[in-house]
C-alpha cells in the first residue's frame, strides 16, 4: 500500500537504528497529519486510531455523552499515568493527587497530548501511545525517560474550562 512506501522513505535518514518504526529525525511534525490509518482491533467496543507517525489513541472508557469536550484553547484538567512502552515502567502519575491542568493545543505539553486529549469529553479515559517525535524525542527527559522513548499514557479528562 502507499502508506508503507511512504514510511520506508521517511525512516532511516542517515540514522542506522535497525528498527524501522523508531524514526528519529527532524520530520517529526510532517507526520502529524490528521490522516488516520484505521486499524480494526479485535475488541470492537474499544475504539482505537493509529496515525501515520505511530501515535495511537484508544478509547478506554466514555464519560457522559453530553460531557463538555476538550478543544484547542480550552483549559483541561486530567489524571494520568505515564509509562515507558518498552517495559511498562511508570515514570509519572498524578492519580490520587490534584488533576494536572494545561491549555490544550498551544504546546504547553508534549505534542502527543495536544493531539491525543483533543476531542475527549469530561469523564472519558484514553490510552495514548506516543512516538518519540511527539514526546521527548532524541533528548528524552530527565533520568526517567531515555532518548527516543515511546510513551504510553492513560489519561482521564476531569474538567474542561
C-alpha atoms as a PDB file:
ATOM      1  CA  UNK A   1       0.000   0.000   0.000  1.00  0.00           C
ATOM      2  CA  UNK A   2       1.185   3.530  -0.497  1.00  0.00           C
ATOM      3  CA  UNK A   3       1.256   4.106   3.274  1.00  0.00           C
ATOM      4  CA  UNK A   4       4.003   1.517   3.656  1.00  0.00           C
ATOM      5  CA  UNK A   5       6.146   3.023   0.895  1.00  0.00           C
ATOM      6  CA  UNK A   6       5.908   6.468   2.415  1.00  0.00           C
ATOM      7  CA  UNK A   7       7.010   5.078   5.750  1.00  0.00           C
ATOM      8  CA  UNK A   8      10.054   3.376   4.240  1.00  0.00           C
ATOM      9  CA  UNK A   9      11.263   6.576   2.609  1.00  0.00           C
ATOM     10  CA  UNK A  10      10.733   8.566   5.767  1.00  0.00           C
ATOM     11  CA  UNK A  11      12.638   6.184   8.055  1.00  0.00           C
ATOM     12  CA  UNK A  12      16.411   5.964   8.178  1.00  0.00           C
ATOM     13  CA  UNK A  13      17.766   9.309   7.041  1.00  0.00           C
ATOM     14  CA  UNK A  14      21.337   8.537   7.898  1.00  0.00           C
ATOM     15  CA  UNK A  15      20.266   7.039  11.201  1.00  0.00           C
ATOM     16  CA  UNK A  16      21.224   3.409  11.443  1.00  0.00           C
ATOM     17  CA  UNK A  17      18.988   2.084  14.148  1.00  0.00           C
ATOM     18  CA  UNK A  18      17.840  -1.164  12.644  1.00  0.00           C
ATOM     19  CA  UNK A  19      14.247  -0.801  13.754  1.00  0.00           C
ATOM     20  CA  UNK A  20      12.016   0.820  11.179  1.00  0.00           C
ATOM     21  CA  UNK A  21       9.371   2.312  13.422  1.00  0.00           C
ATOM     22  CA  UNK A  22      11.756   4.269  15.613  1.00  0.00           C
ATOM     23  CA  UNK A  23      12.271   7.085  13.157  1.00  0.00           C
ATOM     24  CA  UNK A  24      14.458   9.711  14.709  1.00  0.00           C
ATOM     25  CA  UNK A  25      14.713  12.722  12.507  1.00  0.00           C
ATOM     26  CA  UNK A  26      13.536  16.242  12.137  1.00  0.00           C
ATOM     27  CA  UNK A  27      10.492  15.102  10.191  1.00  0.00           C
ATOM     28  CA  UNK A  28       8.570  14.811  13.462  1.00  0.00           C
ATOM     29  CA  UNK A  29       5.923  17.359  12.607  1.00  0.00           C
ATOM     30  CA  UNK A  30       5.424  16.288   8.992  1.00  0.00           C
ATOM     31  CA  UNK A  31       3.881  13.075  10.248  1.00  0.00           C
ATOM     32  CA  UNK A  32       1.297  14.886  12.337  1.00  0.00           C
ATOM     33  CA  UNK A  33      -1.245  14.970   9.541  1.00  0.00           C
ATOM     34  CA  UNK A  34      -4.751  14.209  10.653  1.00  0.00           C
ATOM     35  CA  UNK A  35      -4.971  11.311   8.217  1.00  0.00           C
ATOM     36  CA  UNK A  36      -5.724   8.258  10.256  1.00  0.00           C
ATOM     37  CA  UNK A  37      -4.770   4.721   9.472  1.00  0.00           C
ATOM     38  CA  UNK A  38      -7.768   2.803  10.750  1.00  0.00           C
ATOM     39  CA  UNK A  39      -6.799  -0.424  12.448  1.00  0.00           C
ATOM     40  CA  UNK A  40      -9.560  -2.876  13.238  1.00  0.00           C
ATOM     41  CA  UNK A  41      -8.983  -4.109  16.760  1.00  0.00           C
ATOM     42  CA  UNK A  42     -10.406  -7.408  17.978  1.00  0.00           C
ATOM     43  CA  UNK A  43     -12.458  -5.709  20.670  1.00  0.00           C
ATOM     44  CA  UNK A  44     -14.973  -3.744  18.629  1.00  0.00           C
ATOM     45  CA  UNK A  45     -16.032  -1.841  21.758  1.00  0.00           C
ATOM     46  CA  UNK A  46     -12.612  -0.276  22.137  1.00  0.00           C
ATOM     47  CA  UNK A  47     -12.181   2.432  19.546  1.00  0.00           C
ATOM     48  CA  UNK A  48      -8.604   2.804  18.506  1.00  0.00           C
ATOM     49  CA  UNK A  49      -6.987   5.095  15.951  1.00  0.00           C
ATOM     50  CA  UNK A  50      -3.405   4.947  14.791  1.00  0.00           C
ATOM     51  CA  UNK A  51      -1.826   7.844  12.901  1.00  0.00           C
ATOM     52  CA  UNK A  52       0.889   7.626  10.237  1.00  0.00           C
ATOM     53  CA  UNK A  53       3.655   8.516  12.650  1.00  0.00           C
ATOM     54  CA  UNK A  54       2.752   5.859  15.211  1.00  0.00           C
ATOM     55  CA  UNK A  55       0.600   7.941  17.556  1.00  0.00           C
ATOM     56  CA  UNK A  56      -2.229   5.711  18.773  1.00  0.00           C
ATOM     57  CA  UNK A  57      -5.359   6.855  20.593  1.00  0.00           C
ATOM     58  CA  UNK A  58      -7.506   4.221  22.241  1.00  0.00           C
ATOM     59  CA  UNK A  59     -10.818   4.912  23.982  1.00  0.00           C
ATOM     60  CA  UNK A  60     -10.815   3.043  27.308  1.00  0.00           C
ATOM     61  CA  UNK A  61     -13.982   4.448  28.866  1.00  0.00           C
ATOM     62  CA  UNK A  62     -16.550   7.004  27.825  1.00  0.00           C
ATOM     63  CA  UNK A  63     -17.864   9.706  30.130  1.00  0.00           C
ATOM     64  CA  UNK A  64     -21.210  11.441  29.820  1.00  0.00           C
ATOM     65  CA  UNK A  65     -22.386  11.722  26.195  1.00  0.00           C
ATOM     66  CA  UNK A  66     -23.227  15.381  26.893  1.00  0.00           C
ATOM     67  CA  UNK A  67     -19.981  16.000  28.813  1.00  0.00           C
ATOM     68  CA  UNK A  68     -18.007  19.071  27.877  1.00  0.00           C
ATOM     69  CA  UNK A  69     -15.460  18.425  25.129  1.00  0.00           C
ATOM     70  CA  UNK A  70     -11.781  19.350  25.233  1.00  0.00           C
ATOM     71  CA  UNK A  71     -10.936  21.591  22.290  1.00  0.00           C
ATOM     72  CA  UNK A  72      -7.846  23.624  21.386  1.00  0.00           C
ATOM     73  CA  UNK A  73      -7.580  26.699  23.606  1.00  0.00           C
ATOM     74  CA  UNK A  74      -9.642  25.253  26.446  1.00  0.00           C
ATOM     75  CA  UNK A  75      -8.108  24.611  29.842  1.00  0.00           C
ATOM     76  CA  UNK A  76      -8.273  20.919  30.651  1.00  0.00           C
ATOM     77  CA  UNK A  77      -7.701  19.021  33.895  1.00  0.00           C
ATOM     78  CA  UNK A  78      -6.508  15.430  33.664  1.00  0.00           C
ATOM     79  CA  UNK A  79      -5.464  12.483  35.776  1.00  0.00           C
ATOM     80  CA  UNK A  80      -2.799  10.398  34.084  1.00  0.00           C
ATOM     81  CA  UNK A  81      -0.360   7.545  34.411  1.00  0.00           C
ATOM     82  CA  UNK A  82       2.711   7.658  32.166  1.00  0.00           C
ATOM     83  CA  UNK A  83       4.683   4.508  31.334  1.00  0.00           C
ATOM     84  CA  UNK A  84       7.556   3.619  29.065  1.00  0.00           C
ATOM     85  CA  UNK A  85       6.118   1.459  26.307  1.00  0.00           C
ATOM     86  CA  UNK A  86       9.110  -0.900  26.098  1.00  0.00           C
ATOM     87  CA  UNK A  87       8.996  -2.127  29.713  1.00  0.00           C
ATOM     88  CA  UNK A  88       5.794  -0.720  31.219  1.00  0.00           C
ATOM     89  CA  UNK A  89       7.797   1.198  33.835  1.00  0.00           C
ATOM     90  CA  UNK A  90       5.717   4.044  35.299  1.00  0.00           C
ATOM     91  CA  UNK A  91       7.673   7.314  35.140  1.00  0.00           C
ATOM     92  CA  UNK A  92       4.923   9.694  36.209  1.00  0.00           C
ATOM     93  CA  UNK A  93       1.402   9.647  37.607  1.00  0.00           C
ATOM     94  CA  UNK A  94      -0.885  12.115  39.349  1.00  0.00           C
ATOM     95  CA  UNK A  95      -3.658   9.649  40.161  1.00  0.00           C
ATOM     96  CA  UNK A  96      -4.861  10.325  43.707  1.00  0.00           C
ATOM     97  CA  UNK A  97      -3.449  13.853  43.567  1.00  0.00           C
ATOM     98  CA  UNK A  98      -4.767  17.125  42.173  1.00  0.00           C
ATOM     99  CA  UNK A  99      -5.544  16.975  38.446  1.00  0.00           C
ATOM    100  CA  UNK A 100      -2.902  18.361  36.086  1.00  0.00           C
ATOM    101  CA  UNK A 101      -4.158  21.469  34.269  1.00  0.00           C
ATOM    102  CA  UNK A 102      -2.943  22.777  30.952  1.00  0.00           C
ATOM    103  CA  UNK A 103      -4.212  24.771  27.989  1.00  0.00           C
ATOM    104  CA  UNK A 104      -4.848  22.403  25.092  1.00  0.00           C
ATOM    105  CA  UNK A 105      -3.304  22.810  21.665  1.00  0.00           C
ATOM    106  CA  UNK A 106      -0.794  25.549  22.445  1.00  0.00           C
ATOM    107  CA  UNK A 107       2.336  23.491  23.076  1.00  0.00           C
ATOM    108  CA  UNK A 108       2.323  23.611  26.906  1.00  0.00           C
ATOM    109  CA  UNK A 109       2.596  19.807  26.874  1.00  0.00           C
ATOM    110  CA  UNK A 110       4.135  17.250  24.538  1.00  0.00           C
ATOM    111  CA  UNK A 111       2.592  17.141  21.074  1.00  0.00           C
ATOM    112  CA  UNK A 112       1.128  13.670  21.683  1.00  0.00           C
ATOM    113  CA  UNK A 113      -1.003  15.152  24.464  1.00  0.00           C
ATOM    114  CA  UNK A 114      -2.118  18.177  22.455  1.00  0.00           C
ATOM    115  CA  UNK A 115      -3.346  15.813  19.739  1.00  0.00           C
ATOM    116  CA  UNK A 116      -4.428  12.909  21.967  1.00  0.00           C
ATOM    117  CA  UNK A 117      -6.554  14.812  24.504  1.00  0.00           C
ATOM    118  CA  UNK A 118      -8.336  16.856  21.834  1.00  0.00           C
ATOM    119  CA  UNK A 119     -11.986  15.829  21.484  1.00  0.00           C
ATOM    120  CA  UNK A 120     -12.198  13.984  24.817  1.00  0.00           C
ATOM    121  CA  UNK A 121     -15.323  14.567  26.904  1.00  0.00           C
ATOM    122  CA  UNK A 122     -15.293  15.002  30.676  1.00  0.00           C
ATOM    123  CA  UNK A 123     -15.134  11.511  32.180  1.00  0.00           C
ATOM    124  CA  UNK A 124     -13.534   9.930  29.087  1.00  0.00           C
ATOM    125  CA  UNK A 125     -10.437   7.786  29.533  1.00  0.00           C
ATOM    126  CA  UNK A 126      -7.956   7.259  26.729  1.00  0.00           C
ATOM    127  CA  UNK A 127      -4.714   5.380  26.301  1.00  0.00           C
ATOM    128  CA  UNK A 128      -2.225   7.358  24.246  1.00  0.00           C
ATOM    129  CA  UNK A 129       0.763   5.620  22.682  1.00  0.00           C
ATOM    130  CA  UNK A 130       3.153   8.403  21.753  1.00  0.00           C
ATOM    131  CA  UNK A 131       6.137   8.129  19.400  1.00  0.00           C
ATOM    132  CA  UNK A 132       9.359   9.987  20.320  1.00  0.00           C
ATOM    133  CA  UNK A 133       8.633  12.589  17.615  1.00  0.00           C
ATOM    134  CA  UNK A 134       5.550  13.672  19.610  1.00  0.00           C
ATOM    135  CA  UNK A 135       7.081  13.024  23.037  1.00  0.00           C
ATOM    136  CA  UNK A 136      10.562  13.898  24.284  1.00  0.00           C
ATOM    137  CA  UNK A 137      12.417  12.967  21.103  1.00  0.00           C
ATOM    138  CA  UNK A 138      16.121  12.201  20.933  1.00  0.00           C
ATOM    139  CA  UNK A 139      16.823  14.083  24.177  1.00  0.00           C
ATOM    140  CA  UNK A 140      14.480  12.158  26.439  1.00  0.00           C
ATOM    141  CA  UNK A 141      13.528  13.804  29.731  1.00  0.00           C
ATOM    142  CA  UNK A 142      15.458  13.554  32.966  1.00  0.00           C
ATOM    143  CA  UNK A 143      16.651  10.213  34.328  1.00  0.00           C
ATOM    144  CA  UNK A 144      13.198   8.622  33.916  1.00  0.00           C
ATOM    145  CA  UNK A 145      12.682   8.934  30.149  1.00  0.00           C
ATOM    146  CA  UNK A 146      15.554   7.707  27.944  1.00  0.00           C
ATOM    147  CA  UNK A 147      16.218   9.156  24.471  1.00  0.00           C
ATOM    148  CA  UNK A 148      13.858   8.025  21.684  1.00  0.00           C
ATOM    149  CA  UNK A 149      11.298   6.577  24.103  1.00  0.00           C
ATOM    150  CA  UNK A 150       7.814   5.531  23.047  1.00  0.00           C
ATOM    151  CA  UNK A 151       5.440   6.563  25.827  1.00  0.00           C
ATOM    152  CA  UNK A 152       2.079   5.252  26.981  1.00  0.00           C
ATOM    153  CA  UNK A 153      -0.289   7.460  28.928  1.00  0.00           C
ATOM    154  CA  UNK A 154      -3.628   6.531  30.432  1.00  0.00           C
ATOM    155  CA  UNK A 155      -5.425   9.870  30.620  1.00  0.00           C
ATOM    156  CA  UNK A 156      -8.784  10.687  32.213  1.00  0.00           C
ATOM    157  CA  UNK A 157     -10.379  14.052  31.448  1.00  0.00           C
ATOM    158  CA  UNK A 158     -11.617  15.515  34.739  1.00  0.00           C
ATOM    159  CA  UNK A 159     -12.657  19.031  33.745  1.00  0.00           C
ATOM    160  CA  UNK A 160     -12.759  21.475  30.816  1.00  0.00           C
ATOM    161  CA  UNK A 161     -12.991  25.245  31.154  1.00  0.00           C
END
